[in-house]
Protein backbone atom coordinates (compact mmCIF):
# COMPACT_ATOMS: atom_id res chain seq x y z
CA MET A 1 26.98 6.36 44.44
CA LYS A 2 29.38 5.12 47.38
CA LEU A 3 29.04 1.50 46.33
CA PHE A 4 30.12 1.89 42.75
CA ASN A 5 33.24 3.99 44.10
CA LYS A 6 34.14 1.25 46.36
CA LEU A 7 33.37 -1.50 43.61
CA PHE A 8 35.53 0.19 41.11
CA GLY A 9 38.26 0.81 43.64
CA ALA A 10 38.35 -2.89 44.63
CA MET A 11 38.66 -4.06 41.26
CA ASP A 12 41.19 -1.21 40.26
CA SER A 13 43.37 -2.57 43.34
CA PHE A 14 43.01 -6.02 42.54
CA SER A 15 44.01 -5.05 38.89
CA GLU A 16 47.09 -3.33 39.80
CA THR A 17 48.20 -6.07 42.19
CA ARG A 18 48.03 -8.95 39.74
CA LEU A 19 49.68 -6.59 37.07
CA ARG A 20 52.36 -5.55 39.32
CA LYS A 21 52.79 -9.47 40.30
CA SER A 22 52.76 -10.45 36.63
CA ALA A 23 55.39 -7.76 35.93
CA ARG A 24 57.69 -8.83 38.36
CA ASN A 25 57.25 -12.52 37.41
CA ILE A 26 57.36 -12.09 33.65
CA GLY A 27 59.71 -10.21 31.65
CA ARG A 28 59.23 -8.23 28.41
CA ARG A 29 61.06 -10.58 26.17
CA HIS A 30 58.99 -13.54 27.54
CA PHE A 31 55.90 -11.45 26.63
CA LEU A 32 57.26 -10.61 23.23
CA ALA A 33 58.24 -14.09 22.37
CA LYS A 34 54.75 -15.73 23.75
CA THR A 35 53.25 -13.05 21.56
CA GLY A 36 55.25 -13.99 18.31
CA VAL A 37 54.80 -17.33 18.67
CA LEU A 38 50.72 -16.40 18.73
CA LEU A 39 50.93 -14.33 15.82
CA VAL A 40 53.20 -16.78 13.45
CA GLY A 41 50.81 -19.60 14.84
CA THR A 42 47.88 -18.00 13.81
CA GLY A 43 49.34 -17.30 10.38
CA VAL A 44 50.31 -20.61 9.76
CA MET A 45 47.07 -22.13 10.89
CA PRO A 46 45.44 -22.13 7.52
CA LEU A 47 48.50 -24.03 6.31
CA LEU A 48 48.14 -26.98 8.29
CA PRO A 49 46.48 -30.19 6.75
CA PHE A 50 43.03 -31.42 7.44
CA ASN A 51 40.84 -34.34 6.33
CA ARG A 52 39.44 -33.76 2.79
CA GLY A 53 38.38 -37.50 2.68
CA MET A 54 34.58 -36.74 2.81
CA SER A 55 34.88 -33.88 0.48
CA ASN A 56 34.83 -35.85 -2.82
CA ALA A 57 32.25 -34.66 -5.37
CA TYR A 58 30.13 -37.65 -6.11
CA ALA A 59 26.44 -37.52 -7.10
CA ALA A 60 23.75 -38.31 -4.30
CA GLU A 61 22.94 -41.90 -3.19
CA LYS A 62 19.65 -42.07 -5.47
CA ALA A 63 20.15 -42.17 -9.12
CA THR A 64 17.89 -40.11 -11.47
CA THR A 65 17.47 -39.37 -15.08
CA ASP A 66 15.30 -36.34 -14.52
CA ASP A 67 17.39 -33.39 -15.17
CA THR A 68 14.91 -31.03 -13.18
CA ASP A 69 15.94 -32.88 -9.56
CA CYS A 70 18.74 -31.83 -7.57
CA SER A 71 19.68 -35.35 -7.16
CA TYR A 72 20.54 -35.60 -11.20
CA TRP A 73 24.26 -36.86 -11.03
CA ARG A 74 25.50 -33.84 -13.09
CA TYR A 75 24.29 -31.54 -10.18
CA CYS A 76 26.69 -32.75 -7.45
CA ALA A 77 28.32 -29.15 -7.16
CA LEU A 78 25.82 -27.01 -8.49
CA ASP A 79 24.85 -24.12 -6.22
CA GLY A 80 21.85 -22.32 -7.81
CA ASN A 81 18.66 -22.43 -9.96
CA LEU A 82 18.44 -25.09 -12.44
CA CYS A 83 18.27 -23.88 -16.21
CA SER A 84 16.30 -27.05 -16.92
CA SER A 85 13.43 -25.90 -14.74
CA SER A 86 13.74 -22.25 -15.88
CA GLY A 87 12.95 -22.46 -19.63
CA GLY A 88 16.82 -23.58 -20.76
CA THR A 89 18.27 -27.32 -20.81
CA VAL A 90 20.96 -29.02 -18.78
CA THR A 91 23.47 -27.41 -21.17
CA THR A 92 21.95 -24.32 -22.57
CA CYS A 93 20.82 -21.11 -21.15
CA PRO A 94 17.26 -19.97 -21.52
CA ALA A 95 16.50 -17.34 -24.53
CA GLY A 96 17.25 -13.82 -23.50
CA SER A 97 20.16 -14.90 -20.93
CA GLU A 98 23.81 -15.44 -21.92
CA ALA A 99 26.36 -18.04 -20.18
CA SER A 100 28.80 -16.25 -18.05
CA LYS A 101 32.44 -15.93 -19.28
CA VAL A 102 33.96 -17.89 -16.18
CA SER A 103 32.76 -20.86 -14.42
CA TRP A 104 33.49 -23.17 -11.71
CA VAL A 105 34.19 -27.19 -12.26
CA GLY A 106 33.16 -30.12 -10.11
CA THR A 107 33.94 -33.98 -10.61
CA CYS A 108 30.71 -35.86 -10.55
CA LEU A 109 30.08 -39.52 -10.75
CA ASN A 110 27.86 -40.76 -13.42
CA PRO A 111 26.06 -43.85 -11.80
CA HIS A 112 25.09 -45.40 -15.24
CA ASP A 113 28.74 -46.10 -16.44
CA ASN A 114 30.61 -45.67 -12.86
CA LYS A 115 32.92 -43.18 -14.51
CA ASN A 116 33.92 -39.66 -13.06
CA TYR A 117 33.23 -36.79 -15.36
CA LEU A 118 34.53 -33.10 -15.22
CA VAL A 119 31.53 -31.01 -15.13
CA SER A 120 31.67 -27.01 -16.02
CA TYR A 121 28.83 -24.93 -14.33
CA ASN A 122 28.28 -21.80 -15.87
CA ASP A 123 25.53 -19.51 -14.74
CA CYS A 124 23.23 -17.79 -17.01
CA CYS A 125 22.99 -13.99 -16.88
CA GLY A 126 20.94 -11.09 -18.00
CA LYS A 127 17.48 -12.03 -16.77
CA ALA A 128 15.49 -11.86 -13.51
CA THR A 129 15.33 -15.16 -11.68
CA VAL A 130 12.23 -17.23 -12.00
CA SER A 131 10.29 -17.70 -8.66
CA ASN A 132 9.16 -20.82 -9.25
CA SER A 133 12.45 -22.62 -10.67
CA VAL A 134 14.13 -25.38 -8.82
CA ASN A 135 17.05 -24.28 -6.23
CA CYS A 136 20.05 -26.68 -5.69
CA PHE A 137 22.81 -26.57 -2.88
CA THR A 138 24.80 -29.66 -3.83
CA SER A 139 28.09 -28.11 -2.74
CA GLN A 140 29.87 -31.57 -2.64
CA GLY A 141 33.74 -31.13 -3.06
CA GLU A 142 33.40 -27.10 -2.88
CA ARG A 143 36.67 -25.71 -1.68
CA PRO A 144 37.55 -22.37 0.27
CA GLY A 145 36.80 -19.14 -1.71
CA TYR A 146 40.70 -18.55 -2.58
CA ARG A 147 40.58 -21.46 -5.28
CA MET A 148 38.32 -19.18 -7.24
CA GLY A 149 37.50 -22.14 -10.09
CA LEU A 150 36.40 -24.59 -7.47
CA HIS A 151 34.29 -22.50 -5.45
CA ASN A 152 30.49 -22.05 -6.28
CA ASP A 153 29.10 -19.18 -3.95
CA ILE A 154 30.43 -16.32 -6.27
CA ASN A 155 28.25 -14.61 -9.01
CA TRP A 156 29.92 -15.71 -11.84
CA CYS A 157 28.26 -13.10 -13.91
CA MET A 158 30.60 -10.56 -12.53
CA ALA A 159 32.58 -10.91 -15.98
CA ASN A 160 29.73 -10.49 -18.25
CA THR A 161 27.91 -6.92 -19.15
CA ASN A 162 24.78 -7.78 -17.46
CA LYS A 163 25.81 -8.96 -14.13
CA GLY A 164 22.04 -10.33 -13.05
CA TYR A 165 21.94 -13.90 -12.00
CA TYR A 166 19.26 -16.10 -13.93
CA CYS A 167 20.04 -19.91 -13.65
CA THR A 168 23.05 -22.62 -13.99
CA VAL A 169 24.00 -24.99 -16.79
CA ALA A 170 26.08 -28.12 -16.02
CA THR A 171 28.17 -28.91 -19.17
CA LEU A 172 30.41 -32.11 -19.30
CA VAL A 173 33.94 -31.42 -20.13
CA GLY A 174 35.07 -34.94 -20.14
CA ILE A 175 36.20 -37.91 -18.22
CA ALA A 176 38.24 -37.08 -15.40
CA ASN A 177 41.72 -38.44 -14.72
CA GLU A 178 41.90 -40.60 -11.65
């Protein structure tokens, strides 16, 4: 017990000496100014630019025509189960499920005509997930969560009556403007 008392006493006197010395050398205004700079700096940090050059949403290197493979060009920004491997097609939900009322978009390069296309990704809602469906995580070009229409980690079935996620379809919207 005496060892702890000596240890805590030494720590207490050391802390008191350091704090009194810093109080003599650093004023309250100086402390408040530095604290203000710290608070404003952390608030401005998300506004600083960062390199997004590597985040263009393009299809994977190997081109495939198999729409049940994650490297299919339309799936460049898809995060979820493929409807084409769950009883539906690339653009239609399987029977018994309905398309989400909201969606996210991606820009994908079609390797066959070398053009960028806007692709709308809709979750299909209302059924239990198929255990043997293909799950893709190709989040190329994904943006942070505060850009809702460009973020794919959200349950997009939230606007539907039945909120259960089943799979995702990839519908072409049109050619992307360069």
